[in-house]
Amino acid sequence: MDYKIFELGNCVLQSGATLRDAKLAYKTYGNLSADKSNVIVYPTWYSGQHYDNEWLIGEGMALDPEKYFIIIPNMLGNGLSSSPSNTPPPYDRARFPNVTFYDNVKLQHRLVTENFGIEKIALVVGWSMGAGQTYQWAVSYPDMVERIFPFCGSAKTSLHNFVFLEGVKAALQADSAWEAGWYKEQPTKGLRAVARVYAGWGFSQAFYREKIYIQQGYSSLEDFLVAFWEGFFLRRDANNLLTMLWTWQNGDIGKTPGFGSNFEQALGAIKAKAIVMPGQTDLYFPPEDNEYEVKYMPNALLRPIPSIWGHFAGGGANPVDTKFIDDSLKELLAS
């Protein structure tokens, strides 16, 4: 096991439900400086675990463990932190409570403050659902977070994004083996169907038109759909996917206590210096959503990734996109 578990006890969630004996899995990189000023928090994304974030960490990169103390907290529902798949009855599987970005960040804040005694965070950074948590950190703890770098994500899940996820959910739940979440074995037909739905959204039209998957070592489109996409989802637990999907669909920093669902007011309360980085061809987090957000953020710059890799411009698979992200991170950290 290359990670640690922070025990949180019983946690009352935003919904009013209690997450009993809550556990937050995390991994750290580098060393905390004497004055605790070199902290970076880097949350995970939909179905991702801490090791899936490591492509953005390295010597000579912006997230350099020689300089910074980097904390990757695993999102609730991802199979390592408290999740349907690892929670004992009666809150196991289909009974696992709904959790929000606000809940996730509240528990991460406890890890950072109670476990490490940290009072200031130099940077919060995240891709996709990690970006949602990044915005939430800046709204929940405006005096603690100095900089944010959300990429290929949003502060509020758009209606179009919500509908895309309805397709993912319906594909999974259509499998007879799903059994309303009380399955004995993973509903693999449903997971393969999810993969096919997702495949049309994760990469852009131009990515497929130019057959970039061939350059990535796949022999055909079908090989890519099976080996990459079906392989990606067959490793996941169905209930875990649905827990994180609910979190994603209900993403909205306006629902942070104190803002009365006023999204624009919540954006205006962000004090952190920000570079907001959409993928130019992202199909479910389009740049227009971030353009709207940045208008209301007091100290934010919009900088789209000029890439045909769609949402996965932020996934660490294309070195050109990774360099673009890393260069901007260096710029933000130097400011």
Protein backbone atom coordinates (compact mmCIF):
# COMPACT_ATOMS: atom_id res chain seq x y z
CA MET A 1 0.00 0.00 0.00
CA ASP A 2 1.65 3.24 -1.17
CA TYR A 3 -0.81 5.56 0.58
CA LYS A 4 -2.06 6.42 4.07
CA ILE A 5 -5.52 6.56 5.61
CA PHE A 6 -6.74 9.52 7.67
CA GLU A 7 -9.50 8.41 10.05
CA LEU A 8 -12.24 11.05 10.33
CA GLY A 9 -14.82 9.33 12.51
CA ASN A 10 -18.51 10.04 11.88
CA CYS A 11 -19.01 12.96 9.48
CA VAL A 12 -22.33 14.69 8.91
CA LEU A 13 -22.67 15.45 5.21
CA GLN A 14 -24.27 18.38 3.41
CA SER A 15 -27.34 16.18 2.77
CA GLY A 16 -27.83 15.57 6.49
CA ALA A 17 -26.76 11.92 6.22
CA THR A 18 -23.82 10.66 8.27
CA LEU A 19 -20.77 9.08 6.69
CA ARG A 20 -19.81 6.71 9.52
CA ASP A 21 -16.19 5.91 10.29
CA ALA A 22 -15.13 8.04 7.32
CA LYS A 23 -11.72 7.39 5.78
CA LEU A 24 -9.66 9.64 3.53
CA ALA A 25 -6.87 7.95 1.59
CA TYR A 26 -3.99 10.22 0.63
CA LYS A 27 -0.40 10.24 -0.55
CA THR A 28 2.24 12.93 -0.09
CA TYR A 29 5.27 13.81 -2.20
CA GLY A 30 8.25 15.87 -1.04
CA ASN A 31 8.78 17.37 2.40
CA LEU A 32 6.88 20.00 4.36
CA SER A 33 9.07 23.06 4.87
CA ALA A 34 9.75 24.37 8.39
CA ASP A 35 7.36 27.31 7.88
CA LYS A 36 4.79 25.06 6.10
CA SER A 37 4.59 27.46 3.16
CA ASN A 38 5.27 24.98 0.33
CA VAL A 39 1.97 23.09 0.28
CA ILE A 40 0.15 22.01 -2.89
CA VAL A 41 -3.16 20.14 -2.75
CA TYR A 42 -3.97 18.10 -5.86
CA PRO A 43 -7.36 16.29 -5.67
CA THR A 44 -8.26 13.27 -7.83
CA TRP A 45 -10.82 13.03 -10.66
CA TYR A 46 -13.75 10.81 -11.74
CA SER A 47 -12.69 7.23 -10.94
CA GLY A 48 -9.02 8.27 -10.71
CA GLN A 49 -6.79 7.44 -7.75
CA HIS A 50 -3.69 9.23 -6.47
CA TYR A 51 -1.26 7.41 -8.80
CA ASP A 52 -3.32 8.64 -11.78
CA ASN A 53 -2.24 12.19 -10.86
CA GLU A 54 1.48 11.49 -10.75
CA TRP A 55 2.15 12.41 -14.41
CA LEU A 56 2.10 16.10 -13.38
CA ILE A 57 4.64 15.62 -10.55
CA GLY A 58 8.38 15.40 -11.11
CA GLU A 59 11.82 16.91 -10.82
CA GLY A 60 12.09 20.12 -12.86
CA MET A 61 8.30 20.32 -13.25
CA ALA A 62 6.07 22.91 -11.56
CA LEU A 63 4.96 20.28 -9.06
CA ASP A 64 8.52 19.43 -8.04
CA PRO A 65 8.75 17.33 -4.84
CA GLU A 66 12.21 18.81 -4.23
CA LYS A 67 10.50 22.20 -3.71
CA TYR A 68 6.93 21.46 -2.71
CA PHE A 69 4.98 19.28 -0.31
CA ILE A 70 2.26 17.84 -2.53
CA ILE A 71 -0.81 16.19 -1.01
CA ILE A 72 -3.08 14.08 -3.20
CA PRO A 73 -6.32 13.32 -1.35
CA ASN A 74 -8.46 10.59 -2.92
CA MET A 75 -12.03 11.61 -3.62
CA LEU A 76 -14.83 9.91 -1.68
CA GLY A 77 -16.22 7.06 -3.77
CA ASN A 78 -13.00 6.31 -5.66
CA GLY A 79 -12.42 2.93 -3.99
CA LEU A 80 -9.59 4.02 -1.66
CA SER A 81 -11.27 6.69 0.46
CA SER A 82 -14.70 5.78 1.90
CA SER A 83 -16.71 4.28 -0.98
CA PRO A 84 -19.67 1.98 -1.61
CA SER A 85 -17.19 -0.83 -2.32
CA ASN A 86 -15.32 -0.61 1.00
CA THR A 87 -17.90 0.65 3.52
CA PRO A 88 -19.42 -1.97 5.86
CA PRO A 89 -23.22 -2.46 6.12
CA PRO A 90 -25.64 -0.81 6.49
CA TYR A 91 -24.12 2.04 4.43
CA ASP A 92 -22.45 -0.25 1.89
CA ARG A 93 -23.04 -0.48 -1.86
CA ALA A 94 -26.38 1.06 -2.94
CA ARG A 95 -26.88 2.58 0.54
CA PHE A 96 -23.73 4.73 0.43
CA PRO A 97 -24.79 8.36 1.07
CA ASN A 98 -24.64 11.11 -1.55
CA VAL A 99 -21.54 13.28 -1.17
CA THR A 100 -20.82 16.71 -2.67
CA PHE A 101 -17.64 18.57 -3.60
CA TYR A 102 -18.27 20.59 -0.45
CA ASP A 103 -18.21 17.38 1.63
CA ASN A 104 -15.03 16.18 -0.06
CA VAL A 105 -13.19 19.44 0.52
CA LYS A 106 -14.38 19.75 4.12
CA LEU A 107 -12.77 16.38 4.89
CA GLN A 108 -9.63 17.27 2.91
CA HIS A 109 -9.39 20.49 4.96
CA ARG A 110 -9.43 18.40 8.13
CA LEU A 111 -6.59 16.26 6.76
CA VAL A 112 -4.52 19.34 5.91
CA THR A 113 -5.13 21.17 9.20
CA GLU A 114 -5.51 18.40 11.79
CA ASN A 115 -2.97 15.94 10.42
CA PHE A 116 -0.30 18.36 9.17
CA GLY A 117 -1.04 21.63 11.01
CA ILE A 118 -1.05 23.55 7.73
CA GLU A 119 -2.59 27.04 7.66
CA LYS A 120 -1.74 28.23 4.12
CA ILE A 121 -1.89 26.44 0.79
CA ALA A 122 0.31 27.79 -1.99
CA LEU A 123 -1.74 26.10 -4.72
CA VAL A 124 -4.76 23.86 -5.26
CA VAL A 125 -4.74 22.22 -8.69
CA GLY A 126 -6.97 19.62 -10.32
CA TRP A 127 -8.22 18.11 -13.58
CA SER A 128 -11.89 17.42 -14.36
CA MET A 129 -13.67 16.59 -11.07
CA GLY A 130 -10.38 17.60 -9.46
CA ALA A 131 -11.03 21.07 -10.89
CA GLY A 132 -14.45 21.08 -9.23
CA GLN A 133 -12.76 20.41 -5.89
CA THR A 134 -10.18 23.10 -6.68
CA TYR A 135 -12.90 25.75 -7.05
CA GLN A 136 -14.57 24.44 -3.90
CA TRP A 137 -11.35 24.85 -1.88
CA ALA A 138 -11.12 28.50 -2.98
CA VAL A 139 -14.75 29.19 -2.01
CA SER A 140 -14.78 27.23 1.26
CA TYR A 141 -11.39 28.49 2.50
CA PRO A 142 -10.70 31.80 0.72
CA ASP A 143 -8.11 33.03 3.24
CA MET A 144 -6.15 29.78 3.18
CA VAL A 145 -5.77 29.17 -0.56
CA GLU A 146 -3.31 31.48 -2.32
CA ARG A 147 -3.58 30.15 -5.90
CA ILE A 148 -5.83 27.82 -7.86
CA PHE A 149 -5.35 26.09 -11.18
CA PRO A 150 -8.52 24.25 -12.27
CA PHE A 151 -8.09 22.62 -15.68
CA CYS A 152 -10.69 20.92 -17.89
CA GLY A 153 -13.40 21.30 -15.26
CA SER A 154 -15.96 23.77 -13.94
CA ALA A 155 -17.27 25.42 -10.78
CA LYS A 156 -20.81 24.34 -11.65
CA THR A 157 -21.85 21.34 -13.71
CA SER A 158 -23.72 22.57 -16.78
CA LEU A 159 -27.06 21.12 -17.89
CA HIS A 160 -25.46 19.65 -21.01
CA ASN A 161 -22.80 17.95 -18.86
CA PHE A 162 -25.58 16.65 -16.59
CA VAL A 163 -27.33 15.11 -19.61
CA PHE A 164 -24.12 13.45 -20.82
CA LEU A 165 -23.81 11.80 -17.40
CA GLU A 166 -27.45 10.64 -17.55
CA GLY A 167 -26.39 8.60 -20.60
CA VAL A 168 -23.48 7.09 -18.68
CA LYS A 169 -25.75 6.22 -15.74
CA ALA A 170 -28.49 4.72 -17.93
CA ALA A 171 -25.99 2.52 -19.78
CA LEU A 172 -24.70 1.09 -16.52
CA GLN A 173 -28.09 0.55 -14.91
CA ALA A 174 -29.56 -1.14 -18.01
CA ASP A 175 -27.48 -4.26 -17.30
CA SER A 176 -29.71 -6.89 -15.64
CA ALA A 177 -26.74 -7.85 -13.45
CA TRP A 178 -26.89 -4.34 -11.93
CA GLU A 179 -29.64 -5.47 -9.50
CA ALA A 180 -30.29 -1.93 -8.21
CA GLY A 181 -26.77 -1.77 -6.82
CA TRP A 182 -26.89 -5.07 -4.87
CA TYR A 183 -24.95 -7.09 -7.49
CA LYS A 184 -22.74 -10.01 -6.43
CA GLU A 185 -20.40 -9.54 -9.38
CA GLN A 186 -19.65 -6.39 -11.39
CA PRO A 187 -22.24 -5.66 -14.14
CA THR A 188 -19.64 -5.98 -16.91
CA LYS A 189 -22.07 -5.50 -19.81
CA GLY A 190 -23.09 -2.20 -18.25
CA LEU A 191 -19.48 -1.17 -17.66
CA ARG A 192 -18.61 -1.95 -21.31
CA ALA A 193 -21.64 0.08 -22.41
CA VAL A 194 -20.48 3.00 -20.23
CA ALA A 195 -17.12 2.80 -21.98
CA ARG A 196 -18.78 3.14 -25.41
CA VAL A 197 -20.86 6.12 -24.26
CA TYR A 198 -17.82 7.79 -22.76
CA ALA A 199 -15.62 7.20 -25.81
CA GLY A 200 -17.57 9.71 -27.87
CA TRP A 201 -17.17 12.39 -25.22
CA GLY A 202 -13.68 12.04 -23.78
CA PHE A 203 -11.88 12.93 -27.02
CA SER A 204 -12.82 15.47 -29.67
CA GLN A 205 -14.16 15.02 -33.19
CA ALA A 206 -10.77 16.05 -34.59
CA PHE A 207 -8.97 13.45 -32.42
CA TYR A 208 -10.99 10.72 -34.15
CA ARG A 209 -10.88 12.37 -37.58
CA GLU A 210 -7.09 12.43 -37.46
CA LYS A 211 -6.96 8.90 -35.98
CA ILE A 212 -4.67 9.93 -33.14
CA TYR A 213 -5.41 6.57 -31.50
CA ILE A 214 -3.34 4.86 -34.22
CA GLN A 215 -0.34 7.01 -33.18
CA GLN A 216 -0.98 5.83 -29.61
CA GLY A 217 -0.40 2.21 -30.59
CA TYR A 218 -3.97 0.99 -31.18
CA SER A 219 -4.42 -1.01 -34.40
CA SER A 220 -7.95 0.18 -35.22
CA LEU A 221 -10.87 2.19 -33.88
CA GLU A 222 -12.41 -0.99 -32.45
CA ASP A 223 -9.11 -1.89 -30.78
CA PHE A 224 -9.08 1.57 -29.16
CA LEU A 225 -12.70 1.23 -27.98
CA VAL A 226 -12.05 -2.18 -26.42
CA ALA A 227 -8.46 -1.92 -25.19
CA PHE A 228 -8.48 1.70 -23.97
CA TRP A 229 -12.10 2.50 -23.12
CA GLU A 230 -13.54 -0.86 -22.06
CA GLY A 231 -10.28 -1.62 -20.26
CA PHE A 232 -10.56 1.73 -18.46
CA PHE A 233 -14.04 1.05 -17.02
CA LEU A 234 -13.84 -2.71 -16.38
CA ARG A 235 -11.32 -1.96 -13.60
CA ARG A 236 -13.93 0.16 -11.81
CA ASP A 237 -16.70 -0.69 -9.35
CA ALA A 238 -20.19 0.22 -10.59
CA ASN A 239 -21.51 1.66 -7.31
CA ASN A 240 -18.32 3.70 -6.89
CA LEU A 241 -18.80 5.15 -10.39
CA LEU A 242 -22.39 6.11 -9.59
CA THR A 243 -21.44 7.75 -6.29
CA MET A 244 -18.85 9.94 -8.03
CA LEU A 245 -21.26 10.57 -10.90
CA TRP A 246 -23.80 11.99 -8.43
CA THR A 247 -21.10 14.23 -6.95
CA TRP A 248 -20.23 15.44 -10.45
CA GLN A 249 -23.83 16.04 -11.56
CA ASN A 250 -24.50 18.06 -8.40
CA GLY A 251 -21.33 20.16 -8.60
CA ASP A 252 -22.09 23.81 -7.83
CA ILE A 253 -20.01 26.12 -5.62
CA GLY A 254 -23.13 28.30 -5.24
CA LYS A 255 -24.51 25.60 -2.91
CA THR A 256 -21.68 26.30 -0.44
CA PRO A 257 -23.29 27.37 2.88
CA GLY A 258 -23.60 31.14 3.02
CA PHE A 259 -24.25 31.79 -0.67
CA GLY A 260 -27.90 30.76 -0.98
CA SER A 261 -27.20 29.02 -4.32
CA ASN A 262 -25.90 32.30 -5.81
CA PHE A 263 -23.25 30.93 -8.17
CA GLU A 264 -21.91 34.32 -9.27
CA GLN A 265 -21.59 35.52 -5.68
CA ALA A 266 -19.59 32.40 -4.80
CA LEU A 267 -17.24 33.02 -7.75
CA GLY A 268 -16.81 36.61 -6.56
CA ALA A 269 -15.76 35.39 -3.12
CA ILE A 270 -12.69 33.58 -4.51
CA LYS A 271 -9.60 35.48 -3.33
CA ALA A 272 -7.01 33.12 -4.82
CA LYS A 273 -5.01 34.12 -7.86
CA ALA A 274 -6.20 31.80 -10.63
CA ILE A 275 -5.34 30.48 -14.04
CA VAL A 276 -8.44 28.71 -15.36
CA MET A 277 -7.55 26.30 -18.15
CA PRO A 278 -10.25 24.66 -20.26
CA GLY A 279 -9.46 22.27 -23.08
CA GLN A 280 -10.18 24.10 -26.34
CA THR A 281 -12.04 21.04 -27.72
CA ASP A 282 -13.42 19.62 -24.46
CA LEU A 283 -16.94 18.37 -25.23
CA TYR A 284 -18.36 18.39 -21.71
CA PHE A 285 -16.41 21.19 -20.05
CA PRO A 286 -16.35 23.65 -23.00
CA PRO A 287 -14.31 26.87 -22.70
CA GLU A 288 -17.52 28.98 -22.74
CA ASP A 289 -18.43 27.73 -19.25
CA ASN A 290 -15.07 28.87 -17.88
CA GLU A 291 -15.28 32.20 -19.74
CA TYR A 292 -18.46 32.90 -17.81
CA GLU A 293 -16.83 31.93 -14.49
CA VAL A 294 -13.72 34.05 -15.00
CA LYS A 295 -15.89 37.16 -15.57
CA TYR A 296 -16.98 36.95 -11.92
CA MET A 297 -13.64 35.91 -10.39
CA PRO A 298 -11.64 38.89 -9.08
CA ASN A 299 -8.16 37.58 -9.91
CA ALA A 300 -8.44 35.04 -12.71
CA LEU A 301 -6.96 34.51 -16.15
CA LEU A 302 -8.55 32.25 -18.80
CA ARG A 303 -6.07 30.20 -20.82
CA PRO A 304 -7.46 27.37 -23.01
CA ILE A 305 -5.25 24.42 -23.98
CA PRO A 306 -4.87 24.57 -27.78
CA SER A 307 -5.37 20.85 -28.35
CA ILE A 308 -7.53 18.39 -30.28
CA TRP A 309 -7.33 15.89 -27.41
CA GLY A 310 -10.66 17.09 -26.01
CA HIS A 311 -11.15 16.49 -22.29
CA PHE A 312 -8.03 14.32 -22.20
CA ALA A 313 -5.82 17.28 -23.07
CA GLY A 314 -5.70 17.40 -19.27
CA GLY A 315 -5.18 13.68 -18.79
CA GLY A 316 -1.40 13.53 -19.09
CA ALA A 317 -1.35 11.40 -22.27
CA ASN A 318 -0.12 14.03 -24.74
CA PRO A 319 3.34 15.50 -23.94
CA VAL A 320 2.60 18.76 -25.82
CA ASP A 321 -0.47 19.43 -23.69
CA THR A 322 1.36 18.40 -20.52
CA LYS A 323 4.11 20.97 -21.25
CA PHE A 324 1.48 23.67 -21.84
CA ILE A 325 -0.13 22.91 -18.47
CA ASP A 326 3.19 22.65 -16.66
CA ASP A 327 4.52 25.95 -18.09
CA SER A 328 1.40 27.78 -16.91
CA LEU A 329 1.64 26.17 -13.49
CA LYS A 330 5.23 27.41 -13.19
CA GLU A 331 4.07 30.90 -14.13
CA LEU A 332 1.30 30.86 -11.51
CA LEU A 333 3.57 29.52 -8.77
CA ALA A 334 6.20 32.17 -9.56
CA SER A 335 3.64 35.00 -9.28
